[in-house]
Amino acid sequence: MKRELSFVIPVYNEEDNIAMLHQEIKDVCRQEGYVYEIILVDDGSADGTEETAKTLYPLKYIKLRKNFGQTAAMDAGIRNARFGYIVTMDGDGQNDPADVPGMLSYMAEHGLDIVSGWRKNRKDSISKKVFSRTANFLRGILVKDGIHDSGCSLKIYRKECFEQIALYGEMHRFIPALCIIKGFTVGEVVVNHRPRTAGVTKYNYKRAFKGFIDMISLWFWGKFASRPLHLFGFLGIVSGVAALVCGIISIVLYFERGKISDTGWLTIVVLLIVTTLQFFIFGLLSDILSKLYRESTRDKAYVIKSIDEIIKEENAKGTKIRTLYSAGESSGSGSRVQGSGFREVWGGDSGEDRV
């Protein structure tokens, strides 16, 4: 069975790079016998990117009305992808399409849902490397997605990874972490990273700052999205205990001096009591909003991988497993079961299974 791949490439002012990248993708896909589509998402380019793109074939060209950012462009491409495997990469030519077959093989061998590229030997400027390594260090503390290089755009996903994920801000870097929250499996492969030969980098300190804010948001979402009251309730308890301690100190000082107004402890007690109440109120409101969000969107706190019904027919020696639902489950050889249907697995009395 031929692999079916959707290449999603967000671009912004990359008129000198997209033609060569397009040709490289075609060469790899034809050599490997892939069924493929190339989706180029123009994120409001002001150069000749559109004119160049419309000379390329085959290509699905998506033009955004203005520059919405890489995450928005990537999301637009993913939502318009047709095939079961989605390959994302940058449009600057630094990602090498020749790495895709190896990444697909690694995905099949290990039964993974996502394979992320690791630019172990980066061809970037020193400042960009410093920003990236700092971000990776912080990500390792807050997010803990288990990969070395979340900023590498070269990744392969099973399409079902995006059925319940909303992308915003600079979240394209944290897609593996979002998927891990939903129970998908992630692996990593060292990939080739090439120097930029044309155009200029779009990375700057503003994007780094936005990425850090999104990282904090992801940390909160991963730990407390379904139970925000746990976080705010804990902070409320800490604040309440501090108020109690300060209150005891105020009482002791009152008996020693005869006046409670001579110290600032009473003011601290009042502030801590108010803070305690606010934390609990925030927690309750967040809990209500979380429930409303879950009910009003398709996003669930869980993702079903498969549903099997185990039955035993009359006079049968073993049991039969009927698959009622399977969301692209993979085997070691990379085969997949799509949609609903059934498979039968008979278990004999000896404990051996026969498929």
Foldseek 3Di string as FASTA:
>chain_A
DAAEEEEQEEDAQQLPQQVVVLVQLVVLCVVRVHRYAYEYEYQAHPDCNVVSQVVDPPYHYHYDPHRQDDQVSRVVSLVPDDGFKYWYAYRQPFFHSNCVVVQLLVCLQVQFFKEAEDAPPAPDDPVVVVLQQVVQVVCCVQQVLPDRGLPGGGMMGGSVLPPADDTDFLCSSVSSSVSVLQPGGYHYDYGGTDHRDDDDDPDDVVSSVSVVVVSVVSSCCSPDLQQLLVVLLVVLVVLQVVLVVLVVVLVVVCVVPVDSVVDCSVVSSVVSNVSSVVSNVVRVVSNVVSVVVVVVDVHDSYDDAWDWDWADDPPDQFIWIFTQAHPQRHHSNGDTDHGGGTDTWGAHPVRDIDD
